């Protein structure tokens, strides 16, 4: 796997976000698996002042180094954890359908084979970043892994979903499909059934919760749209930190290395949409 370098990240920002390249730095093209794997933001390459964090581009050109993520942060699930027990077999099934060995999948997403094995066997839960890296490499959506395709809430009246023909169109608030990921993140699916080209979610980040482990960034095909309902959410896009408070919204290309984290002292709640129109067929 070809390492993702700082110039490649800058070129990615210039192409995707139309930001100008910092003066004095050449760019090179990213190739191979670098387009879908998680990346790791290491310690700053020069001293940072008060309030400067990894992911923040300091005045005077102080910047973080970007390195491949070599290990996932994995939480041991509770016995009978439906997420761990359900997602593992689906990952294994999809991997075998694509004729990938466990070691090859691990290599492509920069995880150890033992970490992927733990996920497949239901002994650990993936972070948001790891989940998207696996889904991208398998050519499917995260929703395909988290929820069985075509699954829908049970049509109970009067609180069940409304239907048009054989397809539900309303998701009742008391029967959402919910999952808890690693690092204090909870997703509630807001669609009554699986959607092929998007994920429509209510998200919650507990205090200290984040989409990936500290200093790690991930990227994946698609485009994200979000609005914060409560709390303070820090969105790191490559070298820039953006803090969103209640009522603030954001839209960005998911191929830009990014991380979402609770930046306050109360849980963050928001509505998030991930469009998968750029996902390879």
C-alpha atoms as a PDB file:
ATOM      1  CA  UNK A   1       0.000   0.000   0.000  1.00  0.00           C
ATOM      2  CA  UNK A   2       1.348   3.426  -0.955  1.00  0.00           C
ATOM      3  CA  UNK A   3       1.631   5.819   2.036  1.00  0.00           C
ATOM      4  CA  UNK A   4      -0.603   8.876   2.011  1.00  0.00           C
ATOM      5  CA  UNK A   5       1.716  11.855   2.212  1.00  0.00           C
ATOM      6  CA  UNK A   6       1.167  15.441   3.285  1.00  0.00           C
ATOM      7  CA  UNK A   7       1.530  16.758  -0.308  1.00  0.00           C
ATOM      8  CA  UNK A   8      -1.114  14.258  -1.409  1.00  0.00           C
ATOM      9  CA  UNK A   9      -3.509  15.531   1.246  1.00  0.00           C
ATOM     10  CA  UNK A  10      -2.883  19.105   0.112  1.00  0.00           C
ATOM     11  CA  UNK A  11      -3.487  18.137  -3.488  1.00  0.00           C
ATOM     12  CA  UNK A  12      -6.695  16.392  -2.421  1.00  0.00           C
ATOM     13  CA  UNK A  13      -7.894  19.545  -0.699  1.00  0.00           C
ATOM     14  CA  UNK A  14      -7.012  21.652  -3.714  1.00  0.00           C
ATOM     15  CA  UNK A  15      -8.963  19.348  -6.054  1.00  0.00           C
ATOM     16  CA  UNK A  16     -11.966  18.602  -3.846  1.00  0.00           C
ATOM     17  CA  UNK A  17     -12.437  21.731  -1.745  1.00  0.00           C
ATOM     18  CA  UNK A  18     -10.868  24.123  -4.253  1.00  0.00           C
ATOM     19  CA  UNK A  19      -8.522  25.450  -1.587  1.00  0.00           C
ATOM     20  CA  UNK A  20      -5.264  26.895  -2.865  1.00  0.00           C
ATOM     21  CA  UNK A  21      -2.099  24.904  -2.166  1.00  0.00           C
ATOM     22  CA  UNK A  22       0.229  26.347   0.488  1.00  0.00           C
ATOM     23  CA  UNK A  23       3.087  28.207  -1.225  1.00  0.00           C
ATOM     24  CA  UNK A  24       6.394  26.430  -1.584  1.00  0.00           C
ATOM     25  CA  UNK A  25       5.044  22.866  -1.488  1.00  0.00           C
ATOM     26  CA  UNK A  26       4.969  20.556  -4.510  1.00  0.00           C
ATOM     27  CA  UNK A  27       2.131  18.061  -4.990  1.00  0.00           C
ATOM     28  CA  UNK A  28       2.101  14.461  -6.104  1.00  0.00           C
ATOM     29  CA  UNK A  29      -0.779  12.222  -7.110  1.00  0.00           C
ATOM     30  CA  UNK A  30      -2.250   9.572  -4.775  1.00  0.00           C
ATOM     31  CA  UNK A  31      -2.647   6.143  -6.258  1.00  0.00           C
ATOM     32  CA  UNK A  32      -3.740   2.645  -5.301  1.00  0.00           C
ATOM     33  CA  UNK A  33      -5.632   1.959  -2.078  1.00  0.00           C
ATOM     34  CA  UNK A  34      -4.873   5.416  -0.663  1.00  0.00           C
ATOM     35  CA  UNK A  35      -8.256   6.599  -1.946  1.00  0.00           C
ATOM     36  CA  UNK A  36     -10.277   4.620   0.594  1.00  0.00           C
ATOM     37  CA  UNK A  37      -8.229   3.756   3.649  1.00  0.00           C
ATOM     38  CA  UNK A  38      -8.154   5.492   7.042  1.00  0.00           C
ATOM     39  CA  UNK A  39      -5.197   7.758   7.689  1.00  0.00           C
ATOM     40  CA  UNK A  40      -3.470   8.808  10.883  1.00  0.00           C
ATOM     41  CA  UNK A  41      -2.613  12.331  11.936  1.00  0.00           C
ATOM     42  CA  UNK A  42       0.553  12.169  13.991  1.00  0.00           C
ATOM     43  CA  UNK A  43       1.988  14.778  16.356  1.00  0.00           C
ATOM     44  CA  UNK A  44       2.652  18.266  14.947  1.00  0.00           C
ATOM     45  CA  UNK A  45       5.888  18.640  13.040  1.00  0.00           C
ATOM     46  CA  UNK A  46       6.697  21.890  14.859  1.00  0.00           C
ATOM     47  CA  UNK A  47       5.736  23.233  18.309  1.00  0.00           C
ATOM     48  CA  UNK A  48       2.131  24.287  18.733  1.00  0.00           C
ATOM     49  CA  UNK A  49       0.910  27.224  20.763  1.00  0.00           C
ATOM     50  CA  UNK A  50      -2.053  27.380  23.144  1.00  0.00           C
ATOM     51  CA  UNK A  51      -5.232  26.081  21.593  1.00  0.00           C
ATOM     52  CA  UNK A  52      -3.509  24.404  18.636  1.00  0.00           C
ATOM     53  CA  UNK A  53      -4.440  20.767  18.179  1.00  0.00           C
ATOM     54  CA  UNK A  54      -3.548  18.008  15.729  1.00  0.00           C
ATOM     55  CA  UNK A  55      -5.563  18.703  12.588  1.00  0.00           C
ATOM     56  CA  UNK A  56      -5.242  22.481  13.018  1.00  0.00           C
ATOM     57  CA  UNK A  57      -3.077  24.419  10.545  1.00  0.00           C
ATOM     58  CA  UNK A  58      -1.149  26.943  12.617  1.00  0.00           C
ATOM     59  CA  UNK A  59      -0.108  30.410  11.491  1.00  0.00           C
ATOM     60  CA  UNK A  60       3.365  30.195   9.991  1.00  0.00           C
ATOM     61  CA  UNK A  61       2.902  26.805   8.373  1.00  0.00           C
ATOM     62  CA  UNK A  62       3.039  24.464  11.396  1.00  0.00           C
ATOM     63  CA  UNK A  63       1.299  21.311  10.218  1.00  0.00           C
ATOM     64  CA  UNK A  64       0.563  17.746  11.249  1.00  0.00           C
ATOM     65  CA  UNK A  65       2.074  14.715   9.581  1.00  0.00           C
ATOM     66  CA  UNK A  66      -0.262  12.168   7.988  1.00  0.00           C
ATOM     67  CA  UNK A  67       0.589   8.494   8.320  1.00  0.00           C
ATOM     68  CA  UNK A  68      -1.327   5.244   7.658  1.00  0.00           C
ATOM     69  CA  UNK A  69      -3.482   4.044  10.549  1.00  0.00           C
ATOM     70  CA  UNK A  70      -1.979   0.756  11.679  1.00  0.00           C
ATOM     71  CA  UNK A  71      -4.501  -0.331  14.303  1.00  0.00           C
ATOM     72  CA  UNK A  72      -8.172   0.233  15.064  1.00  0.00           C
ATOM     73  CA  UNK A  73      -9.545   1.133  18.458  1.00  0.00           C
ATOM     74  CA  UNK A  74     -11.822  -1.774  19.257  1.00  0.00           C
ATOM     75  CA  UNK A  75     -14.151  -2.049  22.226  1.00  0.00           C
ATOM     76  CA  UNK A  76     -14.984  -5.481  23.599  1.00  0.00           C
ATOM     77  CA  UNK A  77     -18.784  -5.865  23.171  1.00  0.00           C
ATOM     78  CA  UNK A  78     -21.094  -7.116  25.867  1.00  0.00           C
ATOM     79  CA  UNK A  79     -22.284 -10.729  25.562  1.00  0.00           C
ATOM     80  CA  UNK A  80     -25.087 -10.912  23.020  1.00  0.00           C
ATOM     81  CA  UNK A  81     -24.225  -7.503  21.514  1.00  0.00           C
ATOM     82  CA  UNK A  82     -26.451  -7.447  18.375  1.00  0.00           C
ATOM     83  CA  UNK A  83     -24.089  -5.109  16.511  1.00  0.00           C
ATOM     84  CA  UNK A  84     -21.010  -7.258  17.051  1.00  0.00           C
ATOM     85  CA  UNK A  85     -22.888 -10.492  16.327  1.00  0.00           C
ATOM     86  CA  UNK A  86     -24.621  -9.131  13.224  1.00  0.00           C
ATOM     87  CA  UNK A  87     -21.935  -7.063  11.521  1.00  0.00           C
ATOM     88  CA  UNK A  88     -19.192  -9.701  11.746  1.00  0.00           C
ATOM     89  CA  UNK A  89     -20.926 -12.387   9.652  1.00  0.00           C
ATOM     90  CA  UNK A  90     -22.002  -9.772   7.097  1.00  0.00           C
ATOM     91  CA  UNK A  91     -18.409  -8.555   6.714  1.00  0.00           C
ATOM     92  CA  UNK A  92     -17.191 -12.130   6.302  1.00  0.00           C
ATOM     93  CA  UNK A  93     -19.899 -12.943   3.748  1.00  0.00           C
ATOM     94  CA  UNK A  94     -19.161  -9.836   1.672  1.00  0.00           C
ATOM     95  CA  UNK A  95     -15.414 -10.433   1.899  1.00  0.00           C
ATOM     96  CA  UNK A  96     -15.736 -13.998   0.643  1.00  0.00           C
ATOM     97  CA  UNK A  97     -18.069 -12.892  -2.150  1.00  0.00           C
ATOM     98  CA  UNK A  98     -15.252 -10.635  -3.359  1.00  0.00           C
ATOM     99  CA  UNK A  99     -12.715 -13.481  -2.986  1.00  0.00           C
ATOM    100  CA  UNK A 100     -10.640 -11.546  -0.452  1.00  0.00           C
ATOM    101  CA  UNK A 101      -8.664 -13.267   2.245  1.00  0.00           C
ATOM    102  CA  UNK A 102      -8.846 -11.881   5.762  1.00  0.00           C
ATOM    103  CA  UNK A 103      -5.196 -10.830   5.561  1.00  0.00           C
ATOM    104  CA  UNK A 104      -5.717  -9.061   2.231  1.00  0.00           C
ATOM    105  CA  UNK A 105      -8.684  -7.075   3.556  1.00  0.00           C
ATOM    106  CA  UNK A 106      -6.667  -6.172   6.648  1.00  0.00           C
ATOM    107  CA  UNK A 107      -3.749  -5.044   4.474  1.00  0.00           C
ATOM    108  CA  UNK A 108      -5.961  -2.847   2.324  1.00  0.00           C
ATOM    109  CA  UNK A 109      -7.453  -0.986   5.276  1.00  0.00           C
ATOM    110  CA  UNK A 110      -4.232  -0.858   7.322  1.00  0.00           C
ATOM    111  CA  UNK A 111      -5.434  -3.017  10.198  1.00  0.00           C
ATOM    112  CA  UNK A 112      -3.902  -6.150  11.641  1.00  0.00           C
ATOM    113  CA  UNK A 113      -5.432  -9.437  10.552  1.00  0.00           C
ATOM    114  CA  UNK A 114      -6.222 -10.203  14.191  1.00  0.00           C
ATOM    115  CA  UNK A 115      -8.228  -6.952  14.507  1.00  0.00           C
ATOM    116  CA  UNK A 116     -10.333  -7.812  11.452  1.00  0.00           C
ATOM    117  CA  UNK A 117     -10.771 -11.359  12.751  1.00  0.00           C
ATOM    118  CA  UNK A 118     -12.051 -10.027  16.089  1.00  0.00           C
ATOM    119  CA  UNK A 119     -14.630  -7.898  14.274  1.00  0.00           C
ATOM    120  CA  UNK A 120     -15.777 -10.780  12.063  1.00  0.00           C
ATOM    121  CA  UNK A 121     -16.068 -13.105  15.063  1.00  0.00           C
ATOM    122  CA  UNK A 122     -18.111 -10.611  17.097  1.00  0.00           C
ATOM    123  CA  UNK A 123     -15.436 -10.074  19.748  1.00  0.00           C
ATOM    124  CA  UNK A 124     -14.987  -6.363  19.060  1.00  0.00           C
ATOM    125  CA  UNK A 125     -16.844  -3.397  17.603  1.00  0.00           C
ATOM    126  CA  UNK A 126     -15.405  -1.139  14.874  1.00  0.00           C
ATOM    127  CA  UNK A 127     -15.115   2.623  15.082  1.00  0.00           C
ATOM    128  CA  UNK A 128     -16.975   4.742  12.539  1.00  0.00           C
ATOM    129  CA  UNK A 129     -13.760   5.223  10.562  1.00  0.00           C
ATOM    130  CA  UNK A 130     -12.964   1.500  10.517  1.00  0.00           C
ATOM    131  CA  UNK A 131     -16.532   0.678   9.517  1.00  0.00           C
ATOM    132  CA  UNK A 132     -16.400   3.025   6.523  1.00  0.00           C
ATOM    133  CA  UNK A 133     -12.945   1.742   5.518  1.00  0.00           C
ATOM    134  CA  UNK A 134     -14.240  -1.844   5.454  1.00  0.00           C
ATOM    135  CA  UNK A 135     -17.440  -0.898   3.621  1.00  0.00           C
ATOM    136  CA  UNK A 136     -15.533   1.120   1.007  1.00  0.00           C
ATOM    137  CA  UNK A 137     -13.089  -1.708   0.366  1.00  0.00           C
ATOM    138  CA  UNK A 138     -15.966  -4.186  -0.033  1.00  0.00           C
ATOM    139  CA  UNK A 139     -17.782  -1.827  -2.426  1.00  0.00           C
ATOM    140  CA  UNK A 140     -20.890  -1.476  -0.254  1.00  0.00           C
ATOM    141  CA  UNK A 141     -22.408   1.056   2.132  1.00  0.00           C
ATOM    142  CA  UNK A 142     -22.019   1.107   5.897  1.00  0.00           C
ATOM    143  CA  UNK A 143     -25.771   0.597   6.061  1.00  0.00           C
ATOM    144  CA  UNK A 144     -25.329  -2.738   4.244  1.00  0.00           C
ATOM    145  CA  UNK A 145     -23.092  -3.914   7.077  1.00  0.00           C
ATOM    146  CA  UNK A 146     -25.018  -2.454   9.994  1.00  0.00           C
ATOM    147  CA  UNK A 147     -28.507  -3.440   8.894  1.00  0.00           C
ATOM    148  CA  UNK A 148     -29.582  -6.308   6.690  1.00  0.00           C
ATOM    149  CA  UNK A 149     -30.551  -5.156   3.198  1.00  0.00           C
ATOM    150  CA  UNK A 150     -34.303  -4.715   2.885  1.00  0.00           C
ATOM    151  CA  UNK A 151     -34.831  -4.741   6.640  1.00  0.00           C
ATOM    152  CA  UNK A 152     -37.639  -2.573   7.930  1.00  0.00           C
ATOM    153  CA  UNK A 153     -39.510  -1.959  11.132  1.00  0.00           C
ATOM    154  CA  UNK A 154     -42.379  -4.326  11.873  1.00  0.00           C
ATOM    155  CA  UNK A 155     -45.636  -2.784  10.554  1.00  0.00           C
ATOM    156  CA  UNK A 156     -47.542  -2.423  13.821  1.00  0.00           C
ATOM    157  CA  UNK A 157     -50.629  -0.209  13.869  1.00  0.00           C
ATOM    158  CA  UNK A 158     -51.190   2.529  14.822  1.00  0.00           C
ATOM    159  CA  UNK A 159     -47.519   3.161  15.674  1.00  0.00           C
ATOM    160  CA  UNK A 160     -45.948   1.197  12.826  1.00  0.00           C
ATOM    161  CA  UNK A 161     -44.628   2.673   9.564  1.00  0.00           C
ATOM    162  CA  UNK A 162     -46.955   3.847   6.812  1.00  0.00           C
ATOM    163  CA  UNK A 163     -46.642   1.904   3.559  1.00  0.00           C
ATOM    164  CA  UNK A 164     -47.071   2.532  -0.151  1.00  0.00           C
ATOM    165  CA  UNK A 165     -47.450  -0.836  -1.798  1.00  0.00           C
ATOM    166  CA  UNK A 166     -44.780  -3.149  -0.422  1.00  0.00           C
ATOM    167  CA  UNK A 167     -42.408  -0.359   0.720  1.00  0.00           C
ATOM    168  CA  UNK A 168     -42.603   1.508   4.048  1.00  0.00           C
ATOM    169  CA  UNK A 169     -42.327   5.297   3.834  1.00  0.00           C
ATOM    170  CA  UNK A 170     -42.569   6.387   7.501  1.00  0.00           C
ATOM    171  CA  UNK A 171     -40.224   5.493  10.338  1.00  0.00           C
ATOM    172  CA  UNK A 172     -41.884   5.828  13.748  1.00  0.00           C
ATOM    173  CA  UNK A 173     -39.714   7.296  16.486  1.00  0.00           C
ATOM    174  CA  UNK A 174     -40.412   4.415  18.876  1.00  0.00           C
ATOM    175  CA  UNK A 175     -39.162   1.683  16.533  1.00  0.00           C
ATOM    176  CA  UNK A 176     -35.945   2.983  14.995  1.00  0.00           C
ATOM    177  CA  UNK A 177     -33.039   0.648  14.232  1.00  0.00           C
ATOM    178  CA  UNK A 178     -30.184   1.770  16.513  1.00  0.00           C
ATOM    179  CA  UNK A 179     -26.564   0.760  16.899  1.00  0.00           C
ATOM    180  CA  UNK A 180     -23.736   1.808  19.203  1.00  0.00           C
ATOM    181  CA  UNK A 181     -20.271   1.936  17.695  1.00  0.00           C
ATOM    182  CA  UNK A 182     -16.841   2.198  19.271  1.00  0.00           C
ATOM    183  CA  UNK A 183     -15.674   5.493  20.843  1.00  0.00           C
ATOM    184  CA  UNK A 184     -19.047   6.575  22.270  1.00  0.00           C
ATOM    185  CA  UNK A 185     -21.034   6.981  19.039  1.00  0.00           C
ATOM    186  CA  UNK A 186     -24.676   5.992  18.543  1.00  0.00           C
ATOM    187  CA  UNK A 187     -26.567   5.898  15.220  1.00  0.00           C
ATOM    188  CA  UNK A 188     -30.349   5.786  14.783  1.00  0.00           C
ATOM    189  CA  UNK A 189     -31.421   4.988  11.236  1.00  0.00           C
ATOM    190  CA  UNK A 190     -34.142   7.417  10.123  1.00  0.00           C
ATOM    191  CA  UNK A 191     -35.205   5.534   7.007  1.00  0.00           C
ATOM    192  CA  UNK A 192     -37.805   2.779   7.480  1.00  0.00           C
ATOM    193  CA  UNK A 193     -35.895   0.441   5.139  1.00  0.00           C
ATOM    194  CA  UNK A 194     -32.472   0.061   3.578  1.00  0.00           C
ATOM    195  CA  UNK A 195     -31.555   2.758   1.043  1.00  0.00           C
ATOM    196  CA  UNK A 196     -29.104   1.933  -1.722  1.00  0.00           C
ATOM    197  CA  UNK A 197     -27.596   5.385  -2.205  1.00  0.00           C
ATOM    198  CA  UNK A 198     -27.679   7.184   1.145  1.00  0.00           C
ATOM    199  CA  UNK A 199     -27.563   6.921   4.913  1.00  0.00           C
ATOM    200  CA  UNK A 200     -30.004   9.116   6.851  1.00  0.00           C
ATOM    201  CA  UNK A 201     -29.149   9.087  10.557  1.00  0.00           C
ATOM    202  CA  UNK A 202     -29.661  10.730  13.912  1.00  0.00           C
ATOM    203  CA  UNK A 203     -26.237  10.644  15.533  1.00  0.00           C
ATOM    204  CA  UNK A 204     -25.154  11.035  19.142  1.00  0.00           C
ATOM    205  CA  UNK A 205     -21.590  11.569  20.344  1.00  0.00           C
ATOM    206  CA  UNK A 206     -21.126  11.066  24.074  1.00  0.00           C
ATOM    207  CA  UNK A 207     -18.770  13.352  25.981  1.00  0.00           C
ATOM    208  CA  UNK A 208     -15.325  12.340  24.736  1.00  0.00           C
ATOM    209  CA  UNK A 209     -16.844  10.390  21.838  1.00  0.00           C
ATOM    210  CA  UNK A 210     -15.408  10.535  18.321  1.00  0.00           C
ATOM    211  CA  UNK A 211     -15.721   8.882  14.917  1.00  0.00           C
ATOM    212  CA  UNK A 212     -12.125   7.597  15.130  1.00  0.00           C
ATOM    213  CA  UNK A 213      -9.472   7.285  17.784  1.00  0.00           C
ATOM    214  CA  UNK A 214      -7.483  10.355  18.787  1.00  0.00           C
ATOM    215  CA  UNK A 215      -5.432  11.880  15.949  1.00  0.00           C
ATOM    216  CA  UNK A 216      -6.801   9.425  13.355  1.00  0.00           C
ATOM    217  CA  UNK A 217      -8.573  10.592  10.225  1.00  0.00           C
ATOM    218  CA  UNK A 218     -10.613   8.520   7.784  1.00  0.00           C
ATOM    219  CA  UNK A 219     -11.997   9.016   4.301  1.00  0.00           C
ATOM    220  CA  UNK A 220     -14.427   7.101   2.111  1.00  0.00           C
ATOM    221  CA  UNK A 221     -16.514   7.590  -1.041  1.00  0.00           C
ATOM    222  CA  UNK A 222     -19.543   9.870  -0.799  1.00  0.00           C
ATOM    223  CA  UNK A 223     -20.569  13.284   0.451  1.00  0.00           C
ATOM    224  CA  UNK A 224     -21.754  14.174   3.973  1.00  0.00           C
ATOM    225  CA  UNK A 225     -24.340  16.668   5.173  1.00  0.00           C
ATOM    226  CA  UNK A 226     -25.037  17.350   8.837  1.00  0.00           C
ATOM    227  CA  UNK A 227     -26.776  19.696  11.248  1.00  0.00           C
ATOM    228  CA  UNK A 228     -26.056  19.862  14.976  1.00  0.00           C
ATOM    229  CA  UNK A 229     -29.134  19.840  17.222  1.00  0.00           C
ATOM    230  CA  UNK A 230     -27.358  20.171  20.566  1.00  0.00           C
ATOM    231  CA  UNK A 231     -23.850  20.262  21.976  1.00  0.00           C
ATOM    232  CA  UNK A 232     -20.585  21.202  20.251  1.00  0.00           C
ATOM    233  CA  UNK A 233     -19.177  19.003  17.473  1.00  0.00           C
ATOM    234  CA  UNK A 234     -15.622  19.419  16.198  1.00  0.00           C
ATOM    235  CA  UNK A 235     -15.195  18.449  12.545  1.00  0.00           C
ATOM    236  CA  UNK A 236     -11.573  18.042  11.455  1.00  0.00           C
ATOM    237  CA  UNK A 237     -11.074  18.272   7.689  1.00  0.00           C
ATOM    238  CA  UNK A 238      -7.428  17.449   6.940  1.00  0.00           C
ATOM    239  CA  UNK A 239      -5.564  20.400   8.532  1.00  0.00           C
ATOM    240  CA  UNK A 240      -8.567  22.466   9.595  1.00  0.00           C
ATOM    241  CA  UNK A 241     -10.748  22.225  12.715  1.00  0.00           C
ATOM    242  CA  UNK A 242     -14.337  23.484  12.548  1.00  0.00           C
ATOM    243  CA  UNK A 243     -16.556  23.646  15.640  1.00  0.00           C
ATOM    244  CA  UNK A 244     -20.300  23.391  15.115  1.00  0.00           C
ATOM    245  CA  UNK A 245     -22.855  24.416  17.724  1.00  0.00           C
ATOM    246  CA  UNK A 246     -26.610  23.886  17.857  1.00  0.00           C
ATOM    247  CA  UNK A 247     -28.160  25.084  14.588  1.00  0.00           C
ATOM    248  CA  UNK A 248     -24.898  24.973  12.604  1.00  0.00           C
ATOM    249  CA  UNK A 249     -24.681  22.724   9.537  1.00  0.00           C
ATOM    250  CA  UNK A 250     -21.943  21.442   7.257  1.00  0.00           C
ATOM    251  CA  UNK A 251     -21.467  19.714   3.891  1.00  0.00           C
ATOM    252  CA  UNK A 252     -18.209  18.163   2.686  1.00  0.00           C
ATOM    253  CA  UNK A 253     -16.732  15.517   0.414  1.00  0.00           C
ATOM    254  CA  UNK A 254     -16.108  12.324   2.394  1.00  0.00           C
ATOM    255  CA  UNK A 255     -12.882  11.697   0.471  1.00  0.00           C
ATOM    256  CA  UNK A 256     -11.295  14.543   2.434  1.00  0.00           C
ATOM    257  CA  UNK A 257      -9.611  12.973   5.495  1.00  0.00           C
ATOM    258  CA  UNK A 258     -11.891  13.816   8.414  1.00  0.00           C
ATOM    259  CA  UNK A 259     -12.797  13.158  12.036  1.00  0.00           C
ATOM    260  CA  UNK A 260     -15.885  14.065  14.073  1.00  0.00           C
ATOM    261  CA  UNK A 261     -15.605  14.486  17.844  1.00  0.00           C
ATOM    262  CA  UNK A 262     -17.560  15.857  20.786  1.00  0.00           C
ATOM    263  CA  UNK A 263     -15.806  19.110  21.740  1.00  0.00           C
ATOM    264  CA  UNK A 264     -17.950  20.009  24.745  1.00  0.00           C
ATOM    265  CA  UNK A 265     -19.171  18.817  28.137  1.00  0.00           C
ATOM    266  CA  UNK A 266     -22.562  17.509  27.000  1.00  0.00           C
ATOM    267  CA  UNK A 267     -23.642  14.890  24.482  1.00  0.00           C
ATOM    268  CA  UNK A 268     -23.830  16.014  20.859  1.00  0.00           C
ATOM    269  CA  UNK A 269     -26.974  15.201  18.873  1.00  0.00           C
ATOM    270  CA  UNK A 270     -27.342  15.817  15.173  1.00  0.00           C
ATOM    271  CA  UNK A 271     -28.897  14.738  11.896  1.00  0.00           C
ATOM    272  CA  UNK A 272     -26.459  13.292   9.361  1.00  0.00           C
ATOM    273  CA  UNK A 273     -26.794  12.259   5.727  1.00  0.00           C
ATOM    274  CA  UNK A 274     -24.126  10.368   3.795  1.00  0.00           C
ATOM    275  CA  UNK A 275     -24.752  10.312   0.051  1.00  0.00           C
ATOM    276  CA  UNK A 276     -23.186   7.304  -1.638  1.00  0.00           C
ATOM    277  CA  UNK A 277     -23.606   8.456  -5.204  1.00  0.00           C
ATOM    278  CA  UNK A 278     -19.815   8.244  -5.660  1.00  0.00           C
ATOM    279  CA  UNK A 279     -19.634   4.658  -4.373  1.00  0.00           C
ATOM    280  CA  UNK A 280     -18.286   2.306  -7.091  1.00  0.00           C
ATOM    281  CA  UNK A 281     -20.856  -0.169  -8.359  1.00  0.00           C
END
